[in-house]
Amino acid sequence: MEIVCPAGTPAALRAAVKAGAHTIYCGFADETNARNFPGLNFDRAEMREGVAFAHGHGAKVLVAINTYPRAGAEQIWHAAVADAESCDADAVILADVGLLDHAARNHPNLRRHLSVQAAAANADIINFYADTFGVKRVVLPRVLSVQEIKAINAETKVETEVFVFGGLCVMAEGRCSLSSYATGLSPNMNGVCSPASHVEYHEKAGVLDAELGGYTIHRVGKDEPAPYPTLCKGCFSAGEKTGHLFEDPVSLNAEHLIPQLQKAGVTALKIEGRQRSRSYVAQVVRNFRQAVDALDAGLPLPEGMLARLSEGQATTAGAYKKTWR
């Protein structure tokens, strides 16, 4: 299976390639990119150089243009698609229907992947995107079990790519409005979820409060780990109960499910983390490359390699093994 790895900077791209990544995904430094954070991403010259470096080492580059265009400003997104093609990118990752249509009509030779932001979670909608816009691969949302992924692959010829490590979105991507409610900035329009500019920490009497947009999301004791304040992983009170309504503030780690995902027909394993350092990216890539190579060679999978790189040093298999399913 193909390992698809994040790169938020040119240095991270080079590190991922050297660590054995088959494919890198990255984005331009503007609002066309759903990881539009200060200090991250690529200008046009950096993208061109990054693609050339990857190709020189036998790796591919996918450009994520996966936010939804603002009405009247479509040209910004159209230019990003054209620039990705001129940079010799291997594919673009798109979410918006109008942008998919534009790319299919104006850049027919540029391979199109469907972003997880489109939240395409069944074979009917995936086949629609393939038949209408020539989509070759879909990044599946992180709300599906392995059996559901297998059923999708049985009913479509589109390649499937699934997340196996990193930050876990517990909503159907492309449908979440929690962060924009608290901060006024939309993950799907502006490319920022829980933006750092809206995060504050306050310590009182040995208790640390983590706030997002003025809302207290977590309250932890002196020696307890303080997770990054993301609303979908927040701690909520209802009646006499207090707890994490949607998901604990932990990271996705599905490394032990790689054999099952292979049997389910998955084409590519995706690692989240474009905001992470190059050393983090390199270590995660090396570990997953080792696991995939071991699987191909019929050897046992190495386990437990990535626990200390996870949020709060704790992990979950997410929806892949949800008991309530």
Protein backbone atom coordinates (compact mmCIF):
# COMPACT_ATOMS: atom_id res chain seq x y z
CA MET A 1 0.00 0.00 0.00
CA GLU A 2 1.05 3.55 -0.72
CA ILE A 3 2.15 5.70 2.24
CA VAL A 4 0.87 9.27 1.87
CA CYS A 5 2.74 11.66 4.15
CA PRO A 6 2.24 15.28 5.26
CA ALA A 7 4.58 18.18 4.60
CA GLY A 8 3.85 21.63 5.97
CA THR A 9 7.23 23.00 4.88
CA PRO A 10 9.83 22.28 2.20
CA ALA A 11 12.09 20.87 4.93
CA ALA A 12 9.36 18.44 6.01
CA LEU A 13 8.85 17.38 2.39
CA ARG A 14 12.52 16.54 1.98
CA ALA A 15 12.56 14.71 5.32
CA ALA A 16 9.51 12.62 4.36
CA VAL A 17 10.99 11.68 1.00
CA LYS A 18 14.31 10.67 2.57
CA ALA A 19 12.46 8.63 5.21
CA GLY A 20 10.79 6.52 2.54
CA ALA A 21 7.46 8.17 1.77
CA HIS A 22 5.84 7.00 -1.46
CA THR A 23 3.78 10.19 -1.74
CA ILE A 24 3.75 13.65 -0.11
CA TYR A 25 0.74 15.94 0.25
CA CYS A 26 1.12 19.64 0.84
CA GLY A 27 -0.55 22.96 0.00
CA PHE A 28 -0.03 26.54 -1.04
CA ALA A 29 0.36 29.26 1.59
CA ASP A 30 -3.12 30.72 1.21
CA GLU A 31 -6.79 30.08 1.94
CA THR A 32 -7.09 27.35 -0.71
CA ASN A 33 -5.44 25.04 1.80
CA ALA A 34 -7.25 23.53 4.81
CA ARG A 35 -4.08 23.87 6.88
CA ASN A 36 -3.74 27.61 6.39
CA PHE A 37 -1.56 28.38 9.42
CA PRO A 38 1.12 31.09 9.71
CA GLY A 39 4.61 29.84 8.95
CA LEU A 40 3.41 26.75 7.09
CA ASN A 41 2.98 25.71 3.47
CA PHE A 42 4.59 26.52 0.14
CA ASP A 43 4.90 29.48 -2.17
CA ARG A 44 4.90 28.68 -5.88
CA ALA A 45 8.67 28.47 -6.24
CA GLU A 46 8.96 26.21 -3.19
CA MET A 47 6.24 23.95 -4.55
CA ARG A 48 7.98 23.63 -7.89
CA GLU A 49 11.29 22.82 -6.20
CA GLY A 50 9.62 20.38 -3.81
CA VAL A 51 7.92 18.47 -6.61
CA ALA A 52 11.20 18.26 -8.52
CA PHE A 53 12.99 16.96 -5.41
CA ALA A 54 10.33 14.31 -4.77
CA HIS A 55 10.28 13.17 -8.38
CA GLY A 56 14.07 12.96 -8.34
CA HIS A 57 13.79 10.45 -5.50
CA GLY A 58 10.90 8.44 -6.97
CA ALA A 59 8.14 9.98 -4.84
CA LYS A 60 4.93 11.74 -5.87
CA VAL A 61 3.40 15.04 -4.69
CA LEU A 62 -0.29 15.82 -4.21
CA VAL A 63 -1.40 19.43 -3.77
CA ALA A 64 -4.32 19.96 -1.39
CA ILE A 65 -6.68 22.67 -2.65
CA ASN A 66 -9.36 21.46 -0.30
CA THR A 67 -11.21 24.47 1.07
CA TYR A 68 -14.44 25.81 -0.41
CA PRO A 69 -14.09 28.94 -2.60
CA ARG A 70 -15.63 32.18 -1.43
CA ALA A 71 -18.32 33.53 -3.75
CA GLY A 72 -16.77 36.09 -6.06
CA ALA A 73 -13.21 34.98 -5.28
CA GLU A 74 -13.18 31.75 -7.28
CA GLN A 75 -10.16 32.92 -9.27
CA ILE A 76 -7.91 32.37 -6.25
CA TRP A 77 -8.81 28.66 -6.27
CA HIS A 78 -8.72 28.41 -10.08
CA ALA A 79 -5.19 29.85 -10.04
CA ALA A 80 -4.12 27.33 -7.41
CA VAL A 81 -5.24 24.43 -9.62
CA ALA A 82 -3.42 25.88 -12.63
CA ASP A 83 -0.29 26.49 -10.58
CA ALA A 84 -0.34 22.93 -9.20
CA GLU A 85 -0.36 21.64 -12.76
CA SER A 86 2.42 23.99 -13.84
CA CYS A 87 4.49 22.82 -10.84
CA ASP A 88 4.14 19.26 -12.22
CA ALA A 89 2.13 17.97 -9.26
CA ASP A 90 0.95 14.38 -9.60
CA ALA A 91 -2.60 15.22 -8.49
CA VAL A 92 -4.73 17.84 -6.78
CA ILE A 93 -6.92 17.07 -3.77
CA LEU A 94 -10.24 18.91 -4.15
CA ALA A 95 -13.46 19.12 -2.13
CA ASP A 96 -15.71 21.70 -3.78
CA VAL A 97 -18.05 20.53 -6.56
CA GLY A 98 -17.60 23.72 -8.56
CA LEU A 99 -13.83 23.50 -8.34
CA LEU A 100 -13.91 19.84 -9.35
CA ASP A 101 -15.96 20.82 -12.40
CA HIS A 102 -13.54 23.64 -13.24
CA ALA A 103 -10.53 21.33 -12.95
CA ALA A 104 -12.15 18.58 -15.02
CA ARG A 105 -13.03 21.00 -17.84
CA ASN A 106 -9.89 23.17 -17.84
CA HIS A 107 -7.20 20.75 -16.64
CA PRO A 108 -8.33 17.34 -17.92
CA ASN A 109 -4.82 15.84 -17.71
CA LEU A 110 -4.36 16.77 -14.06
CA ARG A 111 -5.29 13.82 -11.83
CA ARG A 112 -8.08 14.61 -9.36
CA HIS A 113 -8.47 13.20 -5.87
CA LEU A 114 -11.47 13.85 -3.65
CA SER A 115 -10.57 15.43 -0.33
CA VAL A 116 -11.74 14.12 3.01
CA GLN A 117 -13.38 17.55 3.32
CA ALA A 118 -16.01 16.34 0.86
CA ALA A 119 -17.08 13.70 3.42
CA ALA A 120 -17.89 11.11 0.74
CA ALA A 121 -18.85 8.10 2.84
CA ASN A 122 -20.71 5.71 0.52
CA ALA A 123 -20.21 4.10 -2.87
CA ASP A 124 -23.04 5.98 -4.59
CA ILE A 125 -21.60 9.44 -3.97
CA ILE A 126 -18.06 8.26 -4.72
CA ASN A 127 -19.18 6.81 -8.06
CA PHE A 128 -20.96 10.10 -8.80
CA TYR A 129 -17.71 12.03 -8.32
CA ALA A 130 -15.86 9.53 -10.49
CA ASP A 131 -18.41 9.54 -13.31
CA THR A 132 -19.01 13.30 -13.27
CA PHE A 133 -15.57 14.76 -12.54
CA GLY A 134 -13.16 11.92 -13.29
CA VAL A 135 -12.05 11.51 -9.68
CA LYS A 136 -9.51 8.70 -9.39
CA ARG A 137 -9.12 8.49 -5.60
CA VAL A 138 -11.21 9.41 -2.57
CA VAL A 139 -9.88 10.17 0.90
CA LEU A 140 -12.47 8.56 3.16
CA PRO A 141 -13.80 10.39 6.24
CA ARG A 142 -12.72 9.13 9.64
CA VAL A 143 -16.18 7.89 10.62
CA LEU A 144 -16.12 4.53 8.79
CA SER A 145 -15.36 1.06 10.12
CA VAL A 146 -13.08 -1.35 8.28
CA GLN A 147 -16.11 -3.38 7.15
CA GLU A 148 -17.78 -0.26 5.75
CA ILE A 149 -14.60 0.59 3.85
CA LYS A 150 -14.52 -2.94 2.45
CA ALA A 151 -18.14 -2.62 1.31
CA ILE A 152 -17.37 0.68 -0.43
CA ASN A 153 -14.41 -0.82 -2.26
CA ALA A 154 -16.59 -3.69 -3.46
CA GLU A 155 -18.98 -1.24 -5.13
CA THR A 156 -16.61 1.25 -6.69
CA LYS A 157 -13.45 1.20 -8.81
CA VAL A 158 -12.17 4.44 -7.29
CA GLU A 159 -9.00 4.15 -5.23
CA THR A 160 -9.51 4.66 -1.49
CA GLU A 161 -7.15 6.42 0.89
CA VAL A 162 -7.65 6.27 4.66
CA PHE A 163 -6.10 8.04 7.64
CA VAL A 164 -4.04 5.79 9.91
CA PHE A 165 -2.16 8.17 12.22
CA GLY A 166 -2.26 11.67 13.66
CA GLY A 167 -4.93 14.14 14.69
CA LEU A 168 -8.40 12.67 14.67
CA CYS A 169 -11.41 14.55 13.33
CA VAL A 170 -14.38 12.96 15.03
CA MET A 171 -16.92 14.75 12.84
CA ALA A 172 -17.70 14.05 9.21
CA GLU A 173 -15.13 16.32 7.62
CA GLY A 174 -16.62 19.12 5.60
CA ARG A 175 -19.66 19.19 7.87
CA CYS A 176 -18.17 20.54 11.11
CA SER A 177 -19.20 24.01 12.29
CA LEU A 178 -18.10 23.86 15.93
CA SER A 179 -14.79 25.68 15.52
CA SER A 180 -16.31 28.40 13.33
CA TYR A 181 -19.07 28.90 15.92
CA ALA A 182 -16.49 29.63 18.61
CA THR A 183 -13.97 31.62 16.59
CA GLY A 184 -15.70 32.99 13.48
CA LEU A 185 -13.14 31.25 11.26
CA SER A 186 -14.26 28.18 9.36
CA PRO A 187 -12.06 25.09 8.89
CA ASN A 188 -13.72 24.48 5.54
CA MET A 189 -13.70 28.04 4.24
CA ASN A 190 -10.65 29.64 5.84
CA GLY A 191 -8.62 26.51 6.42
CA VAL A 192 -8.24 26.91 10.18
CA CYS A 193 -9.62 24.63 12.89
CA SER A 194 -9.14 25.90 16.44
CA PRO A 195 -6.79 28.69 15.26
CA ALA A 196 -3.93 29.43 17.65
CA SER A 197 -4.86 33.13 17.68
CA HIS A 198 -8.06 32.19 19.55
CA VAL A 199 -6.45 29.85 22.10
CA GLU A 200 -5.74 30.98 25.66
CA TYR A 201 -4.59 29.23 28.83
CA HIS A 202 -5.32 30.53 32.35
CA GLU A 203 -4.01 29.05 35.59
CA LYS A 204 -5.87 29.59 38.85
CA ALA A 205 -5.15 27.87 42.16
CA GLY A 206 -3.30 25.02 40.48
CA VAL A 207 -5.99 24.42 37.87
CA LEU A 208 -5.31 25.13 34.19
CA ASP A 209 -8.15 26.25 31.94
CA ALA A 210 -7.80 25.90 28.16
CA GLU A 211 -10.04 28.24 26.19
CA LEU A 212 -11.03 28.57 22.56
CA GLY A 213 -12.69 31.80 21.47
CA GLY A 214 -13.59 32.58 25.07
CA TYR A 215 -15.12 29.15 25.73
CA THR A 216 -13.51 26.94 28.37
CA ILE A 217 -12.88 23.62 26.66
CA HIS A 218 -10.69 21.81 29.19
CA ARG A 219 -9.89 22.15 32.88
CA VAL A 220 -7.01 20.06 34.20
CA GLY A 221 -5.07 19.69 37.42
CA LYS A 222 -1.50 20.76 38.04
CA ASP A 223 0.23 17.61 36.83
CA GLU A 224 -2.30 16.52 34.22
CA PRO A 225 -1.59 16.90 30.48
CA ALA A 226 -3.37 19.85 28.86
CA PRO A 227 -4.64 18.95 25.37
CA TYR A 228 -4.90 21.52 22.61
CA PRO A 229 -8.39 23.08 22.91
CA THR A 230 -10.42 21.63 20.07
CA LEU A 231 -14.18 21.80 20.51
CA CYS A 232 -14.97 18.31 19.24
CA LYS A 233 -12.55 16.93 21.84
CA GLY A 234 -13.73 19.25 24.57
CA CYS A 235 -14.99 18.26 28.00
CA PHE A 236 -18.70 18.96 28.51
CA SER A 237 -21.05 18.88 31.48
CA ALA A 238 -24.61 17.61 31.27
CA GLY A 239 -26.59 17.12 34.45
CA GLU A 240 -24.30 15.42 36.94
CA LYS A 241 -21.95 14.01 34.32
CA THR A 242 -18.81 15.60 32.91
CA GLY A 243 -16.78 14.03 30.12
CA HIS A 244 -15.68 14.00 26.49
CA LEU A 245 -18.90 13.89 24.52
CA PHE A 246 -17.45 13.03 21.11
CA GLU A 247 -13.94 11.67 21.61
CA ASP A 248 -11.12 11.82 24.13
CA PRO A 249 -8.29 14.24 23.25
CA VAL A 250 -6.05 11.55 21.81
CA SER A 251 -4.52 10.71 18.43
CA LEU A 252 -5.55 8.18 15.83
CA ASN A 253 -3.23 5.21 15.51
CA ALA A 254 -4.41 2.37 13.29
CA GLU A 255 -1.03 0.76 12.66
CA HIS A 256 -2.25 -2.61 13.97
CA LEU A 257 -5.13 -2.51 11.46
CA ILE A 258 -2.90 -2.25 8.38
CA PRO A 259 -3.43 -5.92 7.39
CA GLN A 260 -7.21 -5.56 7.69
CA LEU A 261 -7.16 -2.35 5.68
CA GLN A 262 -5.16 -4.08 2.98
CA LYS A 263 -7.70 -6.91 2.84
CA ALA A 264 -10.47 -4.30 2.66
CA GLY A 265 -8.98 -3.05 -0.61
CA VAL A 266 -7.44 0.22 0.61
CA THR A 267 -4.96 1.75 -1.84
CA ALA A 268 -3.18 4.28 0.37
CA LEU A 269 -2.50 4.95 4.05
CA LYS A 270 -2.55 8.62 5.00
CA ILE A 271 -0.69 10.26 7.88
CA GLU A 272 -2.05 13.52 9.32
CA GLY A 273 0.30 16.26 10.50
CA ARG A 274 1.19 19.07 8.13
CA GLN A 275 1.66 21.33 11.15
CA ARG A 276 4.21 18.93 12.66
CA SER A 277 8.00 19.20 12.61
CA ARG A 278 10.19 17.53 10.03
CA SER A 279 11.67 15.20 12.66
CA TYR A 280 8.17 14.05 13.67
CA VAL A 281 7.23 13.47 10.03
CA ALA A 282 10.42 11.53 9.33
CA GLN A 283 9.95 9.26 12.34
CA VAL A 284 6.32 8.47 11.57
CA VAL A 285 7.12 7.83 7.91
CA ARG A 286 9.97 5.47 8.75
CA ASN A 287 7.77 3.47 11.09
CA PHE A 288 4.88 3.11 8.64
CA ARG A 289 7.23 2.29 5.78
CA GLN A 290 8.74 -0.43 7.97
CA ALA A 291 5.26 -1.77 8.71
CA VAL A 292 4.17 -1.81 5.06
CA ASP A 293 7.41 -3.41 3.94
CA ALA A 294 7.03 -6.07 6.64
CA LEU A 295 3.49 -6.81 5.48
CA ASP A 296 4.64 -7.15 1.88
CA ALA A 297 7.39 -9.53 3.00
CA GLY A 298 5.01 -11.64 5.09
CA LEU A 299 6.71 -10.65 8.35
CA PRO A 300 5.06 -9.66 11.66
CA LEU A 301 4.22 -5.99 12.03
CA PRO A 302 6.29 -3.99 14.52
CA GLU A 303 3.96 -2.53 17.15
CA GLY A 304 3.95 0.29 19.68
CA MET A 305 6.48 2.37 17.77
CA LEU A 306 4.46 5.58 17.70
CA ALA A 307 2.84 5.91 21.12
CA ARG A 308 5.11 8.70 22.33
CA LEU A 309 4.38 10.78 19.22
CA SER A 310 0.64 10.77 19.90
CA GLU A 311 -1.47 13.52 21.44
CA GLY A 312 -1.23 13.13 25.21
CA GLN A 313 0.82 9.99 24.47
CA ALA A 314 -2.51 8.20 24.11
CA THR A 315 -4.14 6.72 21.02
CA THR A 316 -7.41 5.39 19.69
CA ALA A 317 -8.50 3.35 16.69
CA GLY A 318 -11.35 5.82 16.26
CA ALA A 319 -14.34 4.73 14.22
CA TYR A 320 -12.43 1.78 12.79
CA LYS A 321 -13.28 -0.23 15.92
CA LYS A 322 -16.06 1.71 17.64
CA THR A 323 -18.04 -0.59 19.92
CA TRP A 324 -21.23 1.39 19.37
CA ARG A 325 -21.20 0.46 15.71
